[in-house]
Amino acid sequence: MPLLTLANLPAPPLEVPAGRTVLAAIHAAGHAWWHACGAKGRCTTCRVRVLAGAEFLTPPTPAELRYRAAGRLGEAERLACQARVS
């Protein structure tokens, strides 16, 4: 199972099953993580900075690309509700 290291999330790295969103994996591991729009990719409150394991994630979604173009999402950042493990 792929491991992700996320900024501001306590160690150890997060195990994320294939097909699951990063947000679902964070919650399944017992961590609280804000997501104001209900995990629909309409805001950036669930943003995570991926420190290791980004190669296991699906490509950025259209919502993430829009936020990047608007300068609201950095290159190493993903929306936890949109990023899935491939």
PDB file of N, CA and C in Angstrom:
ATOM      1  N   MET A   1       0.854  -1.168   0.000  1.00  0.00           N
ATOM      2  CA  MET A   1       0.000   0.000   0.000  1.00  0.00           C
ATOM      3  C   MET A   1       0.905   1.237   0.000  1.00  0.00           C
ATOM      4  N   PRO A   2       0.644   2.195  -0.902  1.00  0.00           N
ATOM      5  CA  PRO A   2       1.472   3.400  -0.960  1.00  0.00           C
ATOM      6  C   PRO A   2       1.426   4.206   0.343  1.00  0.00           C
ATOM      7  N   LEU A   3       2.539   4.848   0.633  1.00  0.00           N
ATOM      8  CA  LEU A   3       2.655   5.707   1.807  1.00  0.00           C
ATOM      9  C   LEU A   3       2.823   7.146   1.357  1.00  0.00           C
ATOM     10  N   LEU A   4       2.117   8.056   2.029  1.00  0.00           N
ATOM     11  CA  LEU A   4       2.235   9.482   1.766  1.00  0.00           C
ATOM     12  C   LEU A   4       2.690  10.183   3.030  1.00  0.00           C
ATOM     13  N   THR A   5       3.602  11.122   2.873  1.00  0.00           N
ATOM     14  CA  THR A   5       3.994  11.979   3.976  1.00  0.00           C
ATOM     15  C   THR A   5       3.418  13.353   3.681  1.00  0.00           C
ATOM     16  N   LEU A   6       2.583  13.844   4.591  1.00  0.00           N
ATOM     17  CA  LEU A   6       1.900  15.116   4.411  1.00  0.00           C
ATOM     18  C   LEU A   6       2.355  16.103   5.471  1.00  0.00           C
ATOM     19  N   ALA A   7       2.527  17.363   5.070  1.00  0.00           N
ATOM     20  CA  ALA A   7       2.871  18.406   6.034  1.00  0.00           C
ATOM     21  C   ALA A   7       1.729  18.555   7.031  1.00  0.00           C
ATOM     22  N   ASN A   8       2.064  18.810   8.272  1.00  0.00           N
ATOM     23  CA  ASN A   8       1.110  19.042   9.365  1.00  0.00           C
ATOM     24  C   ASN A   8       0.306  17.810   9.774  1.00  0.00           C
ATOM     25  N   LEU A   9       0.714  16.648   9.335  1.00  0.00           N
ATOM     26  CA  LEU A   9       0.066  15.412   9.771  1.00  0.00           C
ATOM     27  C   LEU A   9       1.111  14.624  10.551  1.00  0.00           C
ATOM     28  N   PRO A  10       0.781  14.188  11.752  1.00  0.00           N
ATOM     29  CA  PRO A  10       1.775  13.482  12.557  1.00  0.00           C
ATOM     30  C   PRO A  10       2.274  12.205  11.870  1.00  0.00           C
ATOM     31  N   ALA A  11       3.522  11.848  12.158  1.00  0.00           N
ATOM     32  CA  ALA A  11       4.099  10.604  11.645  1.00  0.00           C
ATOM     33  C   ALA A  11       3.365   9.440  12.296  1.00  0.00           C
ATOM     34  N   PRO A  12       3.365   8.273  11.777  1.00  0.00           N
ATOM     35  CA  PRO A  12       4.091   7.813  10.595  1.00  0.00           C
ATOM     36  C   PRO A  12       3.398   8.241   9.307  1.00  0.00           C
ATOM     37  N   PRO A  13       4.042   7.960   8.152  1.00  0.00           N
ATOM     38  CA  PRO A  13       3.394   8.282   6.884  1.00  0.00           C
ATOM     39  C   PRO A  13       2.015   7.620   6.787  1.00  0.00           C
ATOM     40  N   LEU A  14       1.163   8.221   6.019  1.00  0.00           N
ATOM     41  CA  LEU A  14      -0.215   7.772   5.870  1.00  0.00           C
ATOM     42  C   LEU A  14      -0.306   6.670   4.824  1.00  0.00           C
ATOM     43  N   GLU A  15      -0.913   5.548   5.179  1.00  0.00           N
ATOM     44  CA  GLU A  15      -1.159   4.472   4.219  1.00  0.00           C
ATOM     45  C   GLU A  15      -2.477   4.765   3.507  1.00  0.00           C
ATOM     46  N   VAL A  16      -2.442   4.749   2.174  1.00  0.00           N
ATOM     47  CA  VAL A  16      -3.635   5.067   1.399  1.00  0.00           C
ATOM     48  C   VAL A  16      -3.896   3.949   0.401  1.00  0.00           C
ATOM     49  N   PRO A  17      -5.012   3.239   0.537  1.00  0.00           N
ATOM     50  CA  PRO A  17      -5.335   2.181  -0.413  1.00  0.00           C
ATOM     51  C   PRO A  17      -5.620   2.753  -1.803  1.00  0.00           C
ATOM     52  N   ALA A  18      -5.328   1.993  -2.822  1.00  0.00           N
ATOM     53  CA  ALA A  18      -5.593   2.410  -4.203  1.00  0.00           C
ATOM     54  C   ALA A  18      -7.060   2.767  -4.376  1.00  0.00           C
ATOM     55  N   GLY A  19      -7.312   3.873  -5.078  1.00  0.00           N
ATOM     56  CA  GLY A  19      -8.665   4.323  -5.352  1.00  0.00           C
ATOM     57  C   GLY A  19      -9.258   5.238  -4.300  1.00  0.00           C
ATOM     58  N   ARG A  20      -8.678   5.295  -3.142  1.00  0.00           N
ATOM     59  CA  ARG A  20      -9.208   6.127  -2.049  1.00  0.00           C
ATOM     60  C   ARG A  20      -8.638   7.538  -2.149  1.00  0.00           C
ATOM     61  N   THR A  21      -9.445   8.515  -1.755  1.00  0.00           N
ATOM     62  CA  THR A  21      -8.926   9.881  -1.724  1.00  0.00           C
ATOM     63  C   THR A  21      -8.031  10.056  -0.510  1.00  0.00           C
ATOM     64  N   VAL A  22      -7.162  11.033  -0.608  1.00  0.00           N
ATOM     65  CA  VAL A  22      -6.289  11.351   0.517  1.00  0.00           C
ATOM     66  C   VAL A  22      -7.132  11.780   1.716  1.00  0.00           C
ATOM     67  N   LEU A  23      -8.188  12.547   1.475  1.00  0.00           N
ATOM     68  CA  LEU A  23      -9.060  12.985   2.565  1.00  0.00           C
ATOM     69  C   LEU A  23      -9.696  11.795   3.282  1.00  0.00           C
ATOM     70  N   ALA A  24     -10.199  10.828   2.539  1.00  0.00           N
ATOM     71  CA  ALA A  24     -10.803   9.641   3.155  1.00  0.00           C
ATOM     72  C   ALA A  24      -9.773   8.866   3.977  1.00  0.00           C
ATOM     73  N   ALA A  25      -8.544   8.789   3.477  1.00  0.00           N
ATOM     74  CA  ALA A  25      -7.492   8.081   4.213  1.00  0.00           C
ATOM     75  C   ALA A  25      -7.114   8.828   5.490  1.00  0.00           C
ATOM     76  N   ILE A  26      -7.072  10.157   5.428  1.00  0.00           N
ATOM     77  CA  ILE A  26      -6.770  10.956   6.623  1.00  0.00           C
ATOM     78  C   ILE A  26      -7.834  10.708   7.688  1.00  0.00           C
ATOM     79  N   HIS A  27      -9.090  10.751   7.285  1.00  0.00           N
ATOM     80  CA  HIS A  27     -10.181  10.526   8.238  1.00  0.00           C
ATOM     81  C   HIS A  27     -10.174   9.086   8.758  1.00  0.00           C
ATOM     82  N   ALA A  28      -9.913   8.110   7.888  1.00  0.00           N
ATOM     83  CA  ALA A  28      -9.877   6.704   8.307  1.00  0.00           C
ATOM     84  C   ALA A  28      -8.768   6.450   9.326  1.00  0.00           C
ATOM     85  N   ALA A  29      -7.696   7.244   9.236  1.00  0.00           N
ATOM     86  CA  ALA A  29      -6.584   7.098  10.187  1.00  0.00           C
ATOM     87  C   ALA A  29      -6.879   7.799  11.511  1.00  0.00           C
ATOM     88  N   GLY A  30      -8.046   8.437  11.614  1.00  0.00           N
ATOM     89  CA  GLY A  30      -8.447   9.055  12.873  1.00  0.00           C
ATOM     90  C   GLY A  30      -8.047  10.506  13.041  1.00  0.00           C
ATOM     91  N   HIS A  31      -7.611  11.148  11.948  1.00  0.00           N
ATOM     92  CA  HIS A  31      -7.212  12.549  12.016  1.00  0.00           C
ATOM     93  C   HIS A  31      -8.365  13.433  11.534  1.00  0.00           C
ATOM     94  N   ALA A  32      -8.538  14.561  12.171  1.00  0.00           N
ATOM     95  CA  ALA A  32      -9.516  15.542  11.706  1.00  0.00           C
ATOM     96  C   ALA A  32      -8.858  16.387  10.618  1.00  0.00           C
ATOM     97  N   TRP A  33      -9.561  16.624   9.535  1.00  0.00           N
ATOM     98  CA  TRP A  33      -9.045  17.476   8.465  1.00  0.00           C
ATOM     99  C   TRP A  33     -10.212  18.245   7.884  1.00  0.00           C
ATOM    100  N   TRP A  34     -10.105  19.554   7.879  1.00  0.00           N
ATOM    101  CA  TRP A  34     -11.178  20.435   7.451  1.00  0.00           C
ATOM    102  C   TRP A  34     -11.488  20.262   5.961  1.00  0.00           C
ATOM    103  N   HIS A  35     -12.769  20.324   5.618  1.00  0.00           N
ATOM    104  CA  HIS A  35     -13.206  20.296   4.213  1.00  0.00           C
ATOM    105  C   HIS A  35     -14.571  20.983   4.129  1.00  0.00           C
ATOM    106  N   ALA A  36     -14.544  22.299   3.952  1.00  0.00           N
ATOM    107  CA  ALA A  36     -15.741  23.139   4.046  1.00  0.00           C
ATOM    108  C   ALA A  36     -16.787  22.846   2.975  1.00  0.00           C
ATOM    109  N   CYS A  37     -16.375  22.436   1.783  1.00  0.00           N
ATOM    110  CA  CYS A  37     -17.351  22.253   0.703  1.00  0.00           C
ATOM    111  C   CYS A  37     -17.925  20.842   0.666  1.00  0.00           C
ATOM    112  N   GLY A  38     -17.601  20.028   1.638  1.00  0.00           N
ATOM    113  CA  GLY A  38     -18.133  18.668   1.655  1.00  0.00           C
ATOM    114  C   GLY A  38     -17.414  17.731   0.699  1.00  0.00           C
ATOM    115  N   ALA A  39     -16.147  17.999   0.441  1.00  0.00           N
ATOM    116  CA  ALA A  39     -15.297  17.156  -0.410  1.00  0.00           C
ATOM    117  C   ALA A  39     -15.740  17.162  -1.872  1.00  0.00           C
ATOM    118  N   LYS A  40     -16.114  18.325  -2.349  1.00  0.00           N
ATOM    119  CA  LYS A  40     -16.570  18.453  -3.743  1.00  0.00           C
ATOM    120  C   LYS A  40     -15.579  19.205  -4.628  1.00  0.00           C
ATOM    121  N   GLY A  41     -14.435  19.614  -4.100  1.00  0.00           N
ATOM    122  CA  GLY A  41     -13.437  20.320  -4.890  1.00  0.00           C
ATOM    123  C   GLY A  41     -13.822  21.751  -5.197  1.00  0.00           C
ATOM    124  N   ARG A  42     -14.677  22.343  -4.380  1.00  0.00           N
ATOM    125  CA  ARG A  42     -15.145  23.713  -4.622  1.00  0.00           C
ATOM    126  C   ARG A  42     -14.437  24.750  -3.767  1.00  0.00           C
ATOM    127  N   CYS A  43     -13.526  24.326  -2.917  1.00  0.00           N
ATOM    128  CA  CYS A  43     -12.783  25.269  -2.078  1.00  0.00           C
ATOM    129  C   CYS A  43     -11.366  24.710  -1.927  1.00  0.00           C
ATOM    130  N   THR A  44     -10.581  25.331  -1.113  1.00  0.00           N
ATOM    131  CA  THR A  44      -9.220  24.824  -0.895  1.00  0.00           C
ATOM    132  C   THR A  44      -8.958  24.501   0.572  1.00  0.00           C
ATOM    133  N   THR A  45     -10.010  24.326   1.354  1.00  0.00           N
ATOM    134  CA  THR A  45      -9.803  24.096   2.787  1.00  0.00           C
ATOM    135  C   THR A  45      -9.172  22.744   3.094  1.00  0.00           C
ATOM    136  N   CYS A  46      -9.282  21.782   2.207  1.00  0.00           N
ATOM    137  CA  CYS A  46      -8.697  20.458   2.467  1.00  0.00           C
ATOM    138  C   CYS A  46      -7.295  20.323   1.866  1.00  0.00           C
ATOM    139  N   ARG A  47      -6.731  21.429   1.432  1.00  0.00           N
ATOM    140  CA  ARG A  47      -5.409  21.431   0.789  1.00  0.00           C
ATOM    141  C   ARG A  47      -4.379  20.727   1.665  1.00  0.00           C
ATOM    142  N   VAL A  48      -3.549  19.920   1.031  1.00  0.00           N
ATOM    143  CA  VAL A  48      -2.432  19.266   1.715  1.00  0.00           C
ATOM    144  C   VAL A  48      -1.155  19.532   0.926  1.00  0.00           C
ATOM    145  N   ARG A  49      -0.048  19.579   1.622  1.00  0.00           N
ATOM    146  CA  ARG A  49       1.256  19.657   0.964  1.00  0.00           C
ATOM    147  C   ARG A  49       1.861  18.267   1.047  1.00  0.00           C
ATOM    148  N   VAL A  50       2.104  17.671  -0.107  1.00  0.00           N
ATOM    149  CA  VAL A  50       2.636  16.314  -0.182  1.00  0.00           C
ATOM    150  C   VAL A  50       4.156  16.399  -0.159  1.00  0.00           C
ATOM    151  N   LEU A  51       4.753  15.861   0.903  1.00  0.00           N
ATOM    152  CA  LEU A  51       6.205  15.898   1.056  1.00  0.00           C
ATOM    153  C   LEU A  51       6.871  14.676   0.442  1.00  0.00           C
ATOM    154  N   ALA A  52       6.172  13.540   0.409  1.00  0.00           N
ATOM    155  CA  ALA A  52       6.706  12.310  -0.188  1.00  0.00           C
ATOM    156  C   ALA A  52       5.538  11.441  -0.625  1.00  0.00           C
ATOM    157  N   GLY A  53       5.706  10.773  -1.750  1.00  0.00           N
ATOM    158  CA  GLY A  53       4.694   9.849  -2.248  1.00  0.00           C
ATOM    159  C   GLY A  53       3.784  10.420  -3.308  1.00  0.00           C
ATOM    160  N   ALA A  54       4.047  11.639  -3.778  1.00  0.00           N
ATOM    161  CA  ALA A  54       3.173  12.268  -4.783  1.00  0.00           C
ATOM    162  C   ALA A  54       3.090  11.448  -6.062  1.00  0.00           C
ATOM    163  N   GLU A  55       4.108  10.666  -6.337  1.00  0.00           N
ATOM    164  CA  GLU A  55       4.102   9.853  -7.562  1.00  0.00           C
ATOM    165  C   GLU A  55       3.015   8.780  -7.545  1.00  0.00           C
ATOM    166  N   PHE A  56       2.449   8.497  -6.385  1.00  0.00           N
ATOM    167  CA  PHE A  56       1.383   7.501  -6.277  1.00  0.00           C
ATOM    168  C   PHE A  56      -0.003   8.100  -6.512  1.00  0.00           C
ATOM    169  N   LEU A  57      -0.077   9.421  -6.651  1.00  0.00           N
ATOM    170  CA  LEU A  57      -1.372  10.087  -6.786  1.00  0.00           C
ATOM    171  C   LEU A  57      -1.777  10.258  -8.241  1.00  0.00           C
ATOM    172  N   THR A  58      -3.089  10.279  -8.460  1.00  0.00           N
ATOM    173  CA  THR A  58      -3.617  10.549  -9.793  1.00  0.00           C
ATOM    174  C   THR A  58      -3.217  11.963 -10.210  1.00  0.00           C
ATOM    175  N   PRO A  59      -3.250  12.256 -11.512  1.00  0.00           N
ATOM    176  CA  PRO A  59      -2.935  13.623 -11.959  1.00  0.00           C
ATOM    177  C   PRO A  59      -3.932  14.621 -11.370  1.00  0.00           C
ATOM    178  N   PRO A  60      -3.540  15.894 -11.302  1.00  0.00           N
ATOM    179  CA  PRO A  60      -4.455  16.910 -10.775  1.00  0.00           C
ATOM    180  C   PRO A  60      -5.773  16.933 -11.544  1.00  0.00           C
ATOM    181  N   THR A  61      -6.847  17.127 -10.809  1.00  0.00           N
ATOM    182  CA  THR A  61      -8.187  17.187 -11.407  1.00  0.00           C
ATOM    183  C   THR A  61      -8.417  18.580 -12.009  1.00  0.00           C
ATOM    184  N   PRO A  62      -9.465  18.746 -12.807  1.00  0.00           N
ATOM    185  CA  PRO A  62      -9.776  20.084 -13.332  1.00  0.00           C
ATOM    186  C   PRO A  62      -9.935  21.130 -12.227  1.00  0.00           C
ATOM    187  N   ALA A  63     -10.540  20.758 -11.116  1.00  0.00           N
ATOM    188  CA  ALA A  63     -10.687  21.702 -10.003  1.00  0.00           C
ATOM    189  C   ALA A  63      -9.323  22.133  -9.480  1.00  0.00           C
ATOM    190  N   GLU A  64      -8.411  21.187  -9.308  1.00  0.00           N
ATOM    191  CA  GLU A  64      -7.073  21.520  -8.819  1.00  0.00           C
ATOM    192  C   GLU A  64      -6.328  22.398  -9.822  1.00  0.00           C
ATOM    193  N   LEU A  65      -6.470  22.102 -11.101  1.00  0.00           N
ATOM    194  CA  LEU A  65      -5.811  22.905 -12.133  1.00  0.00           C
ATOM    195  C   LEU A  65      -6.338  24.343 -12.143  1.00  0.00           C
ATOM    196  N   ARG A  66      -7.638  24.510 -11.927  1.00  0.00           N
ATOM    197  CA  ARG A  66      -8.202  25.867 -11.845  1.00  0.00           C
ATOM    198  C   ARG A  66      -7.607  26.637 -10.670  1.00  0.00           C
ATOM    199  N   TYR A  67      -7.506  25.977  -9.509  1.00  0.00           N
ATOM    200  CA  TYR A  67      -6.938  26.649  -8.342  1.00  0.00           C
ATOM    201  C   TYR A  67      -5.454  26.958  -8.537  1.00  0.00           C
ATOM    202  N   ARG A  68      -4.728  26.083  -9.214  1.00  0.00           N
ATOM    203  CA  ARG A  68      -3.321  26.372  -9.506  1.00  0.00           C
ATOM    204  C   ARG A  68      -3.202  27.577 -10.426  1.00  0.00           C
ATOM    205  N   ALA A  69      -4.026  27.609 -11.458  1.00  0.00           N
ATOM    206  CA  ALA A  69      -3.995  28.735 -12.403  1.00  0.00           C
ATOM    207  C   ALA A  69      -4.331  30.047 -11.709  1.00  0.00           C
ATOM    208  N   ALA A  70      -5.175  30.000 -10.707  1.00  0.00           N
ATOM    209  CA  ALA A  70      -5.570  31.199  -9.956  1.00  0.00           C
ATOM    210  C   ALA A  70      -4.574  31.536  -8.846  1.00  0.00           C
ATOM    211  N   GLY A  71      -3.534  30.716  -8.670  1.00  0.00           N
ATOM    212  CA  GLY A  71      -2.538  30.965  -7.639  1.00  0.00           C
ATOM    213  C   GLY A  71      -2.971  30.571  -6.241  1.00  0.00           C
ATOM    214  N   ARG A  72      -3.999  29.746  -6.140  1.00  0.00           N
ATOM    215  CA  ARG A  72      -4.507  29.352  -4.819  1.00  0.00           C
ATOM    216  C   ARG A  72      -4.058  27.953  -4.399  1.00  0.00           C
ATOM    217  N   LEU A  73      -3.297  27.272  -5.262  1.00  0.00           N
ATOM    218  CA  LEU A  73      -2.818  25.917  -4.963  1.00  0.00           C
ATOM    219  C   LEU A  73      -1.415  25.799  -5.548  1.00  0.00           C
ATOM    220  N   GLY A  74      -0.438  25.487  -4.699  1.00  0.00           N
ATOM    221  CA  GLY A  74       0.947  25.378  -5.148  1.00  0.00           C
ATOM    222  C   GLY A  74       1.229  24.059  -5.849  1.00  0.00           C
ATOM    223  N   GLU A  75       2.380  23.973  -6.469  1.00  0.00           N
ATOM    224  CA  GLU A  75       2.772  22.771  -7.221  1.00  0.00           C
ATOM    225  C   GLU A  75       2.834  21.521  -6.346  1.00  0.00           C
ATOM    226  N   ALA A  76       3.301  21.653  -5.112  1.00  0.00           N
ATOM    227  CA  ALA A  76       3.409  20.493  -4.214  1.00  0.00           C
ATOM    228  C   ALA A  76       2.132  20.279  -3.412  1.00  0.00           C
ATOM    229  N   GLU A  77       1.108  21.084  -3.690  1.00  0.00           N
ATOM    230  CA  GLU A  77      -0.146  20.983  -2.943  1.00  0.00           C
ATOM    231  C   GLU A  77      -1.215  20.286  -3.777  1.00  0.00           C
ATOM    232  N   ARG A  78      -2.073  19.581  -3.072  1.00  0.00           N
ATOM    233  CA  ARG A  78      -3.212  18.910  -3.702  1.00  0.00           C
ATOM    234  C   ARG A  78      -4.438  19.146  -2.833  1.00  0.00           C
ATOM    235  N   LEU A  79      -5.605  19.018  -3.432  1.00  0.00           N
ATOM    236  CA  LEU A  79      -6.845  19.005  -2.663  1.00  0.00           C
ATOM    237  C   LEU A  79      -7.033  17.576  -2.190  1.00  0.00           C
ATOM    238  N   ALA A  80      -7.087  17.381  -0.891  1.00  0.00           N
ATOM    239  CA  ALA A  80      -7.183  16.034  -0.329  1.00  0.00           C
ATOM    240  C   ALA A  80      -8.451  15.322  -0.785  1.00  0.00           C
ATOM    241  N   CYS A  81      -9.500  16.070  -1.083  1.00  0.00           N
ATOM    242  CA  CYS A  81     -10.750  15.461  -1.526  1.00  0.00           C
ATOM    243  C   CYS A  81     -10.705  15.022  -2.984  1.00  0.00           C
ATOM    244  N   GLN A  82      -9.740  15.523  -3.737  1.00  0.00           N
ATOM    245  CA  GLN A  82      -9.662  15.225  -5.165  1.00  0.00           C
ATOM    246  C   GLN A  82      -8.540  14.226  -5.489  1.00  0.00           C
ATOM    247  N   ALA A  83      -7.437  14.291  -4.770  1.00  0.00           N
ATOM    248  CA  ALA A  83      -6.290  13.431  -5.047  1.00  0.00           C
ATOM    249  C   ALA A  83      -6.571  12.008  -4.594  1.00  0.00           C
ATOM    250  N   ARG A  84      -6.406  11.097  -5.520  1.00  0.00           N
ATOM    251  CA  ARG A  84      -6.598   9.661  -5.228  1.00  0.00           C
ATOM    252  C   ARG A  84      -5.307   8.920  -5.470  1.00  0.00           C
ATOM    253  N   VAL A  85      -5.141   7.819  -4.786  1.00  0.00           N
ATOM    254  CA  VAL A  85      -3.994   6.945  -5.055  1.00  0.00           C
ATOM    255  C   VAL A  85      -4.337   6.096  -6.273  1.00  0.00           C
ATOM    256  N   SER A  86      -3.406   6.073  -7.211  1.00  0.00           N
ATOM    257  CA  SER A  86      -3.634   5.291  -8.446  1.00  0.00           C
ATOM    258  C   SER A  86      -3.133   3.877  -8.314  1.00  0.00           C
TER     259      SER A  86
END
